[in-house]
Amino acid sequence: MSQIFISHIEEDGKVVEEIARGLEEAGYTTCYYERDFMMTRHYLEDASDAIKQAGVVIVLMSPGALKSNEVKVEVLIGHELKKPFIPLIFNMTYTEYQERRPDWAMAALIAYTARCITQEEIQAILPQIINGAKVLGLTPAYKLPSPQVGYVLSDLISLHEKQVGYDEVLPLLKQALAILEGDLTDVAKGLNDLAALYESYSKYDEALPLYRRAVQIAGTALGADHPNTETYKRNLETCQAATNQQGES
């Protein structure tokens, strides 16, 4: 498990993007509301699923976040699931935090030493956040780039398109991803292609996390508005809709 869920309020979105980008460059996958939640589902379903899949929950605790019902719900879900927390106290002192949310200060969020940060300190604190994730047992999901092997994935997918069987192609795709040392754009494409293979056989539970990782990695490497990122997002939404439809039938 390598996913980190980031709980926050919309007003702190720029800070969360910076934290997520730093974590993803270190090889972790991240999940946060604006980028990763599906508009086709109820917020609580998305939040519960994302926190279940997370190995660690970061809570960006700004003055506004301490008043947020959504952040409160996410903290409660994480606490009930016994997820470890990395609390980041943003734009206030620890004393102010204790006074405003004594219940959090004495409960779940005591699980990891809180850090007090400002906007200017995000880059400086990132190594400590990454080290905290490692201490809590979280390992990176993928390697940082170094050219060559990635394009083999396209050849493997073309085998599938030529009707070579699922059982023959799937192990090759997995092996290619395991040894992949190509550019992150190739990693994202490989994950998307592997997800598409699973989806074509209605294996939605296997496909969804791969699509999510493809979106996250492409967003980091190419930007959220890049055509490839948008394509992977649409694939994720289509797969999610198919999953919901399967659950209703």
C-alpha atoms as a PDB file:
ATOM      1  CA  MET A   1       0.000   0.000   0.000  1.00  0.00           C
ATOM      2  CA  SER A   2       1.503   3.313  -1.080  1.00  0.00           C
ATOM      3  CA  GLN A   3      -1.422   5.720  -1.221  1.00  0.00           C
ATOM      4  CA  ILE A   4      -1.594   8.826   0.961  1.00  0.00           C
ATOM      5  CA  PHE A   5      -4.969  10.518   1.463  1.00  0.00           C
ATOM      6  CA  ILE A   6      -4.835  14.296   2.048  1.00  0.00           C
ATOM      7  CA  SER A   7      -7.706  15.804   4.039  1.00  0.00           C
ATOM      8  CA  HIS A   8      -8.137  19.577   3.657  1.00  0.00           C
ATOM      9  CA  ILE A   9     -10.509  22.369   2.707  1.00  0.00           C
ATOM     10  CA  GLU A  10     -10.823  23.790  -0.803  1.00  0.00           C
ATOM     11  CA  GLU A  11      -9.257  27.113   0.203  1.00  0.00           C
ATOM     12  CA  ASP A  12      -5.994  25.288   0.955  1.00  0.00           C
ATOM     13  CA  GLY A  13      -5.991  23.495  -2.411  1.00  0.00           C
ATOM     14  CA  LYS A  14      -2.791  25.101  -3.731  1.00  0.00           C
ATOM     15  CA  VAL A  15      -0.872  23.904  -0.672  1.00  0.00           C
ATOM     16  CA  VAL A  16      -2.272  20.388  -1.110  1.00  0.00           C
ATOM     17  CA  GLU A  17      -1.251  20.349  -4.791  1.00  0.00           C
ATOM     18  CA  GLU A  18       2.311  21.242  -3.773  1.00  0.00           C
ATOM     19  CA  ILE A  19       2.411  18.532  -1.092  1.00  0.00           C
ATOM     20  CA  ALA A  20       0.903  15.930  -3.457  1.00  0.00           C
ATOM     21  CA  ARG A  21       3.361  16.816  -6.218  1.00  0.00           C
ATOM     22  CA  GLY A  22       6.312  16.354  -3.852  1.00  0.00           C
ATOM     23  CA  LEU A  23       5.006  13.012  -2.586  1.00  0.00           C
ATOM     24  CA  GLU A  24       4.326  11.733  -6.106  1.00  0.00           C
ATOM     25  CA  GLU A  25       7.803  12.759  -7.252  1.00  0.00           C
ATOM     26  CA  ALA A  26       9.087  10.600  -4.376  1.00  0.00           C
ATOM     27  CA  GLY A  27       7.114   7.636  -5.765  1.00  0.00           C
ATOM     28  CA  TYR A  28       3.961   7.716  -3.625  1.00  0.00           C
ATOM     29  CA  THR A  29       0.405   7.913  -4.927  1.00  0.00           C
ATOM     30  CA  THR A  30      -1.876  10.513  -3.400  1.00  0.00           C
ATOM     31  CA  CYS A  31      -5.597  11.142  -3.292  1.00  0.00           C
ATOM     32  CA  TYR A  32      -7.441  14.388  -2.596  1.00  0.00           C
ATOM     33  CA  TYR A  33     -10.927  15.704  -3.237  1.00  0.00           C
ATOM     34  CA  GLU A  34     -10.600  18.187  -6.116  1.00  0.00           C
ATOM     35  CA  ARG A  35      -8.624  15.878  -8.376  1.00  0.00           C
ATOM     36  CA  ASP A  36      -9.658  12.346  -7.495  1.00  0.00           C
ATOM     37  CA  PHE A  37     -13.271  12.189  -6.290  1.00  0.00           C
ATOM     38  CA  MET A  38     -15.945  11.109  -8.779  1.00  0.00           C
ATOM     39  CA  MET A  39     -18.814  13.537  -9.293  1.00  0.00           C
ATOM     40  CA  THR A  40     -21.087  10.574 -10.047  1.00  0.00           C
ATOM     41  CA  ARG A  41     -20.977   9.270  -6.470  1.00  0.00           C
ATOM     42  CA  HIS A  42     -21.856  10.604  -3.045  1.00  0.00           C
ATOM     43  CA  TYR A  43     -18.971  12.352  -1.304  1.00  0.00           C
ATOM     44  CA  LEU A  44     -19.052   9.918   1.642  1.00  0.00           C
ATOM     45  CA  GLU A  45     -18.620   6.909  -0.679  1.00  0.00           C
ATOM     46  CA  ASP A  46     -15.568   8.460  -2.309  1.00  0.00           C
ATOM     47  CA  ALA A  47     -14.079   9.537   1.028  1.00  0.00           C
ATOM     48  CA  SER A  48     -14.593   6.125   2.627  1.00  0.00           C
ATOM     49  CA  ASP A  49     -13.113   4.241  -0.336  1.00  0.00           C
ATOM     50  CA  ALA A  50     -10.120   6.569  -0.617  1.00  0.00           C
ATOM     51  CA  ILE A  51      -9.287   6.377   3.092  1.00  0.00           C
ATOM     52  CA  LYS A  52      -9.699   2.584   3.102  1.00  0.00           C
ATOM     53  CA  GLN A  53      -7.109   2.357   0.332  1.00  0.00           C
ATOM     54  CA  ALA A  54      -4.717   4.764   2.052  1.00  0.00           C
ATOM     55  CA  GLY A  55      -1.778   3.675   4.150  1.00  0.00           C
ATOM     56  CA  VAL A  56      -1.506   7.111   5.765  1.00  0.00           C
ATOM     57  CA  VAL A  57      -3.843  10.104   6.137  1.00  0.00           C
ATOM     58  CA  ILE A  58      -2.356  13.614   6.044  1.00  0.00           C
ATOM     59  CA  VAL A  59      -4.602  16.260   7.599  1.00  0.00           C
ATOM     60  CA  LEU A  60      -3.855  19.862   6.627  1.00  0.00           C
ATOM     61  CA  MET A  61      -5.237  21.618   9.678  1.00  0.00           C
ATOM     62  CA  SER A  62      -5.726  25.293   8.892  1.00  0.00           C
ATOM     63  CA  PRO A  63      -8.067  27.519  10.941  1.00  0.00           C
ATOM     64  CA  GLY A  64     -10.761  26.959   8.299  1.00  0.00           C
ATOM     65  CA  ALA A  65     -10.232  23.182   8.226  1.00  0.00           C
ATOM     66  CA  LEU A  66     -10.885  22.944  11.960  1.00  0.00           C
ATOM     67  CA  LYS A  67     -14.426  24.236  11.286  1.00  0.00           C
ATOM     68  CA  SER A  68     -15.052  21.960   8.287  1.00  0.00           C
ATOM     69  CA  ASN A  69     -17.604  19.155   8.583  1.00  0.00           C
ATOM     70  CA  GLU A  70     -15.951  17.324   5.663  1.00  0.00           C
ATOM     71  CA  VAL A  71     -12.520  17.330   7.318  1.00  0.00           C
ATOM     72  CA  LYS A  72     -14.131  16.210  10.577  1.00  0.00           C
ATOM     73  CA  VAL A  73     -15.824  13.303   8.756  1.00  0.00           C
ATOM     74  CA  GLU A  74     -12.546  12.287   7.084  1.00  0.00           C
ATOM     75  CA  VAL A  75     -10.719  12.344  10.416  1.00  0.00           C
ATOM     76  CA  LEU A  76     -13.444  10.188  11.984  1.00  0.00           C
ATOM     77  CA  ILE A  77     -13.357   7.686   9.096  1.00  0.00           C
ATOM     78  CA  GLY A  78      -9.574   7.454   9.354  1.00  0.00           C
ATOM     79  CA  HIS A  79      -9.753   7.037  13.128  1.00  0.00           C
ATOM     80  CA  GLU A  80     -12.383   4.273  12.857  1.00  0.00           C
ATOM     81  CA  LEU A  81     -10.250   2.478  10.240  1.00  0.00           C
ATOM     82  CA  LYS A  82      -7.205   2.846  12.519  1.00  0.00           C
ATOM     83  CA  LYS A  83      -5.229   4.716   9.873  1.00  0.00           C
ATOM     84  CA  PRO A  84      -2.039   6.492  10.983  1.00  0.00           C
ATOM     85  CA  PHE A  85      -2.151  10.283  10.668  1.00  0.00           C
ATOM     86  CA  ILE A  86       0.420  12.888   9.713  1.00  0.00           C
ATOM     87  CA  PRO A  87      -1.117  16.160  10.957  1.00  0.00           C
ATOM     88  CA  LEU A  88       0.178  19.416   9.491  1.00  0.00           C
ATOM     89  CA  ILE A  89      -0.838  22.516  11.439  1.00  0.00           C
ATOM     90  CA  PHE A  90      -1.092  25.246   8.818  1.00  0.00           C
ATOM     91  CA  ASN A  91      -0.973  28.990   9.522  1.00  0.00           C
ATOM     92  CA  MET A  92      -1.481  28.727  13.283  1.00  0.00           C
ATOM     93  CA  THR A  93       0.448  27.651  16.356  1.00  0.00           C
ATOM     94  CA  TYR A  94       0.133  24.335  18.149  1.00  0.00           C
ATOM     95  CA  THR A  95      -1.407  26.127  21.139  1.00  0.00           C
ATOM     96  CA  GLU A  96      -4.083  27.668  18.904  1.00  0.00           C
ATOM     97  CA  TYR A  97      -4.786  24.232  17.430  1.00  0.00           C
ATOM     98  CA  GLN A  98      -5.174  22.683  20.900  1.00  0.00           C
ATOM     99  CA  GLU A  99      -7.546  25.436  21.986  1.00  0.00           C
ATOM    100  CA  ARG A 100      -9.732  25.139  18.878  1.00  0.00           C
ATOM    101  CA  ARG A 101      -9.843  21.324  18.598  1.00  0.00           C
ATOM    102  CA  PRO A 102      -8.893  19.745  21.935  1.00  0.00           C
ATOM    103  CA  ASP A 103     -10.718  16.545  20.900  1.00  0.00           C
ATOM    104  CA  TRP A 104      -8.385  16.070  17.916  1.00  0.00           C
ATOM    105  CA  ALA A 105      -5.312  17.082  19.896  1.00  0.00           C
ATOM    106  CA  MET A 106      -6.005  14.360  22.459  1.00  0.00           C
ATOM    107  CA  ALA A 107      -7.247  11.622  20.108  1.00  0.00           C
ATOM    108  CA  ALA A 108      -6.374  10.301  16.660  1.00  0.00           C
ATOM    109  CA  LEU A 109      -4.077  13.086  15.545  1.00  0.00           C
ATOM    110  CA  ILE A 110      -1.683  12.529  18.419  1.00  0.00           C
ATOM    111  CA  ALA A 111      -0.566   9.413  16.505  1.00  0.00           C
ATOM    112  CA  TYR A 112       2.251  11.332  14.826  1.00  0.00           C
ATOM    113  CA  THR A 113       4.098  14.438  15.985  1.00  0.00           C
ATOM    114  CA  ALA A 114       2.305  17.444  14.512  1.00  0.00           C
ATOM    115  CA  ARG A 115       4.234  19.936  12.391  1.00  0.00           C
ATOM    116  CA  CYS A 116       3.415  23.654  12.311  1.00  0.00           C
ATOM    117  CA  ILE A 117       3.997  25.060   8.828  1.00  0.00           C
ATOM    118  CA  THR A 118       3.378  28.102   6.637  1.00  0.00           C
ATOM    119  CA  GLN A 119       3.059  28.376   2.835  1.00  0.00           C
ATOM    120  CA  GLU A 120       6.765  29.214   2.513  1.00  0.00           C
ATOM    121  CA  GLU A 121       7.816  26.106   4.437  1.00  0.00           C
ATOM    122  CA  ILE A 122       6.103  23.443   2.286  1.00  0.00           C
ATOM    123  CA  GLN A 123       9.191  22.490   0.272  1.00  0.00           C
ATOM    124  CA  ALA A 124      11.346  22.414   3.393  1.00  0.00           C
ATOM    125  CA  ILE A 125       8.913  20.135   5.262  1.00  0.00           C
ATOM    126  CA  LEU A 126       8.395  17.634   2.395  1.00  0.00           C
ATOM    127  CA  PRO A 127      11.421  15.453   3.278  1.00  0.00           C
ATOM    128  CA  GLN A 128      10.070  15.130   6.824  1.00  0.00           C
ATOM    129  CA  ILE A 129       6.629  14.140   5.521  1.00  0.00           C
ATOM    130  CA  ILE A 130       8.200  11.529   3.237  1.00  0.00           C
ATOM    131  CA  ASN A 131      10.326  10.222   6.100  1.00  0.00           C
ATOM    132  CA  GLY A 132       7.211  10.084   8.286  1.00  0.00           C
ATOM    133  CA  ALA A 133       5.425   7.982   5.660  1.00  0.00           C
ATOM    134  CA  LYS A 134       8.374   5.578   5.586  1.00  0.00           C
ATOM    135  CA  VAL A 135       8.433   5.350   9.397  1.00  0.00           C
ATOM    136  CA  LEU A 136       4.732   4.460   9.254  1.00  0.00           C
ATOM    137  CA  GLY A 137       5.530   1.588   6.885  1.00  0.00           C
ATOM    138  CA  LEU A 138       4.590   3.159   3.556  1.00  0.00           C
ATOM    139  CA  THR A 139       6.830   2.362   0.585  1.00  0.00           C
ATOM    140  CA  PRO A 140       6.844   4.154  -2.792  1.00  0.00           C
ATOM    141  CA  ALA A 141       4.751   2.605  -5.562  1.00  0.00           C
ATOM    142  CA  TYR A 142       6.982   3.304  -8.524  1.00  0.00           C
ATOM    143  CA  LYS A 143      10.524   4.284  -9.458  1.00  0.00           C
ATOM    144  CA  LEU A 144      11.651   7.693 -10.603  1.00  0.00           C
ATOM    145  CA  PRO A 145      12.441   7.940 -14.299  1.00  0.00           C
ATOM    146  CA  SER A 146      15.439   6.698 -16.283  1.00  0.00           C
ATOM    147  CA  PRO A 147      14.863   5.996 -20.034  1.00  0.00           C
ATOM    148  CA  GLN A 148      14.445   2.770 -22.049  1.00  0.00           C
ATOM    149  CA  VAL A 149      12.157  -0.160 -21.169  1.00  0.00           C
ATOM    150  CA  GLY A 150       8.693   1.507 -21.170  1.00  0.00           C
ATOM    151  CA  TYR A 151       7.712   1.215 -24.823  1.00  0.00           C
ATOM    152  CA  VAL A 152       7.497  -2.576 -24.572  1.00  0.00           C
ATOM    153  CA  LEU A 153       4.043  -2.000 -23.061  1.00  0.00           C
ATOM    154  CA  SER A 154       2.624  -0.783 -26.368  1.00  0.00           C
ATOM    155  CA  ASP A 155       3.835  -3.943 -28.086  1.00  0.00           C
ATOM    156  CA  LEU A 156       2.233  -6.097 -25.403  1.00  0.00           C
ATOM    157  CA  ILE A 157      -1.077  -4.276 -25.722  1.00  0.00           C
ATOM    158  CA  SER A 158      -0.952  -4.770 -29.510  1.00  0.00           C
ATOM    159  CA  LEU A 159      -0.636  -8.518 -28.871  1.00  0.00           C
ATOM    160  CA  HIS A 160      -3.868  -8.359 -26.917  1.00  0.00           C
ATOM    161  CA  GLU A 161      -5.509  -6.426 -29.755  1.00  0.00           C
ATOM    162  CA  LYS A 162      -4.478  -9.241 -32.097  1.00  0.00           C
ATOM    163  CA  GLN A 163      -6.541 -11.600 -29.915  1.00  0.00           C
ATOM    164  CA  VAL A 164      -3.690 -13.179 -27.970  1.00  0.00           C
ATOM    165  CA  GLY A 165      -5.387 -14.459 -24.823  1.00  0.00           C
ATOM    166  CA  TYR A 166      -5.801 -12.560 -21.571  1.00  0.00           C
ATOM    167  CA  ASP A 167      -3.896 -15.216 -19.627  1.00  0.00           C
ATOM    168  CA  GLU A 168      -0.900 -14.872 -21.954  1.00  0.00           C
ATOM    169  CA  VAL A 169      -0.759 -11.056 -22.055  1.00  0.00           C
ATOM    170  CA  LEU A 170      -1.484 -10.174 -18.413  1.00  0.00           C
ATOM    171  CA  PRO A 171       1.691 -11.695 -16.885  1.00  0.00           C
ATOM    172  CA  LEU A 172       3.799  -9.934 -19.529  1.00  0.00           C
ATOM    173  CA  LEU A 173       2.188  -6.573 -18.757  1.00  0.00           C
ATOM    174  CA  LYS A 174       2.727  -7.039 -15.031  1.00  0.00           C
ATOM    175  CA  GLN A 175       6.346  -8.002 -15.574  1.00  0.00           C
ATOM    176  CA  ALA A 176       6.920  -4.983 -17.826  1.00  0.00           C
ATOM    177  CA  LEU A 177       5.504  -2.645 -15.203  1.00  0.00           C
ATOM    178  CA  ALA A 178       7.591  -4.276 -12.486  1.00  0.00           C
ATOM    179  CA  ILE A 179      10.849  -3.632 -14.380  1.00  0.00           C
ATOM    180  CA  LEU A 180       9.755  -0.346 -15.945  1.00  0.00           C
ATOM    181  CA  GLU A 181      12.451   2.317 -15.814  1.00  0.00           C
ATOM    182  CA  GLY A 182      11.038   4.619 -18.460  1.00  0.00           C
ATOM    183  CA  ASP A 183       9.773   8.173 -18.244  1.00  0.00           C
ATOM    184  CA  LEU A 184       6.840   8.703 -15.872  1.00  0.00           C
ATOM    185  CA  THR A 185       4.651   9.370 -18.914  1.00  0.00           C
ATOM    186  CA  ASP A 186       5.361   5.787 -19.997  1.00  0.00           C
ATOM    187  CA  VAL A 187       4.537   4.512 -16.521  1.00  0.00           C
ATOM    188  CA  ALA A 188       1.183   6.321 -16.644  1.00  0.00           C
ATOM    189  CA  LYS A 189       0.444   4.931 -20.115  1.00  0.00           C
ATOM    190  CA  GLY A 190       1.401   1.420 -18.997  1.00  0.00           C
ATOM    191  CA  LEU A 191      -0.878   1.608 -15.966  1.00  0.00           C
ATOM    192  CA  ASN A 192      -3.731   2.909 -18.114  1.00  0.00           C
ATOM    193  CA  ASP A 193      -3.210   0.118 -20.648  1.00  0.00           C
ATOM    194  CA  LEU A 194      -3.090  -2.552 -17.957  1.00  0.00           C
ATOM    195  CA  ALA A 195      -6.257  -1.115 -16.414  1.00  0.00           C
ATOM    196  CA  ALA A 196      -7.939  -1.211 -19.833  1.00  0.00           C
ATOM    197  CA  LEU A 197      -7.033  -4.879 -20.167  1.00  0.00           C
ATOM    198  CA  TYR A 198      -8.611  -5.662 -16.788  1.00  0.00           C
ATOM    199  CA  GLU A 199     -11.666  -3.578 -17.668  1.00  0.00           C
ATOM    200  CA  SER A 200     -12.138  -5.382 -20.984  1.00  0.00           C
ATOM    201  CA  TYR A 201     -12.657  -8.565 -18.940  1.00  0.00           C
ATOM    202  CA  SER A 202     -14.971  -6.780 -16.437  1.00  0.00           C
ATOM    203  CA  LYS A 203     -12.318  -6.970 -13.708  1.00  0.00           C
ATOM    204  CA  TYR A 204     -13.223  -3.511 -12.425  1.00  0.00           C
ATOM    205  CA  ASP A 205     -11.787  -3.888  -8.915  1.00  0.00           C
ATOM    206  CA  GLU A 206      -8.357  -4.490 -10.443  1.00  0.00           C
ATOM    207  CA  ALA A 207      -8.753  -1.751 -13.072  1.00  0.00           C
ATOM    208  CA  LEU A 208      -9.867   1.157 -10.879  1.00  0.00           C
ATOM    209  CA  PRO A 209      -6.729   1.592  -8.714  1.00  0.00           C
ATOM    210  CA  LEU A 210      -4.544   1.355 -11.831  1.00  0.00           C
ATOM    211  CA  TYR A 211      -6.561   4.054 -13.598  1.00  0.00           C
ATOM    212  CA  ARG A 212      -6.284   6.233 -10.467  1.00  0.00           C
ATOM    213  CA  ARG A 213      -2.506   5.822 -10.385  1.00  0.00           C
ATOM    214  CA  ALA A 214      -2.298   6.609 -14.106  1.00  0.00           C
ATOM    215  CA  VAL A 215      -4.221   9.863 -13.536  1.00  0.00           C
ATOM    216  CA  GLN A 216      -2.043  10.802 -10.556  1.00  0.00           C
ATOM    217  CA  ILE A 217       1.262  10.094 -12.299  1.00  0.00           C
ATOM    218  CA  ALA A 218       0.199  11.796 -15.551  1.00  0.00           C
ATOM    219  CA  GLY A 219      -0.989  14.800 -13.560  1.00  0.00           C
ATOM    220  CA  THR A 220       2.450  15.059 -11.948  1.00  0.00           C
ATOM    221  CA  ALA A 221       4.477  14.435 -15.127  1.00  0.00           C
ATOM    222  CA  LEU A 222       2.317  16.231 -17.706  1.00  0.00           C
ATOM    223  CA  GLY A 223      -0.083  18.477 -15.806  1.00  0.00           C
ATOM    224  CA  ALA A 224      -3.768  18.135 -14.942  1.00  0.00           C
ATOM    225  CA  ASP A 225      -4.928  19.683 -18.252  1.00  0.00           C
ATOM    226  CA  HIS A 226      -2.728  17.623 -20.581  1.00  0.00           C
ATOM    227  CA  PRO A 227      -4.706  15.570 -23.162  1.00  0.00           C
ATOM    228  CA  ASN A 228      -3.246  12.283 -21.876  1.00  0.00           C
ATOM    229  CA  THR A 229      -4.216  13.111 -18.297  1.00  0.00           C
ATOM    230  CA  GLU A 230      -7.717  14.026 -19.465  1.00  0.00           C
ATOM    231  CA  THR A 231      -7.966  10.722 -21.376  1.00  0.00           C
ATOM    232  CA  TYR A 232      -6.960   8.710 -18.304  1.00  0.00           C
ATOM    233  CA  LYS A 233      -9.506  10.657 -16.225  1.00  0.00           C
ATOM    234  CA  ARG A 234     -12.278   9.796 -18.707  1.00  0.00           C
ATOM    235  CA  ASN A 235     -11.225   6.145 -18.641  1.00  0.00           C
ATOM    236  CA  LEU A 236     -11.366   6.201 -14.847  1.00  0.00           C
ATOM    237  CA  GLU A 237     -14.840   7.764 -14.876  1.00  0.00           C
ATOM    238  CA  THR A 238     -16.106   5.218 -17.418  1.00  0.00           C
ATOM    239  CA  CYS A 239     -14.741   2.323 -15.368  1.00  0.00           C
ATOM    240  CA  GLN A 240     -16.231   3.767 -12.181  1.00  0.00           C
ATOM    241  CA  ALA A 241     -19.632   4.057 -13.866  1.00  0.00           C
ATOM    242  CA  ALA A 242     -19.393   0.451 -15.050  1.00  0.00           C
ATOM    243  CA  THR A 243     -18.489  -0.617 -11.509  1.00  0.00           C
ATOM    244  CA  ASN A 244     -21.508   1.207 -10.074  1.00  0.00           C
ATOM    245  CA  GLN A 245     -23.764  -0.339 -12.727  1.00  0.00           C
ATOM    246  CA  GLN A 246     -22.436  -3.812 -11.944  1.00  0.00           C
ATOM    247  CA  GLY A 247     -23.128  -3.246  -8.246  1.00  0.00           C
ATOM    248  CA  GLU A 248     -26.727  -2.271  -8.946  1.00  0.00           C
ATOM    249  CA  SER A 249     -27.472  -5.308 -11.139  1.00  0.00           C
END
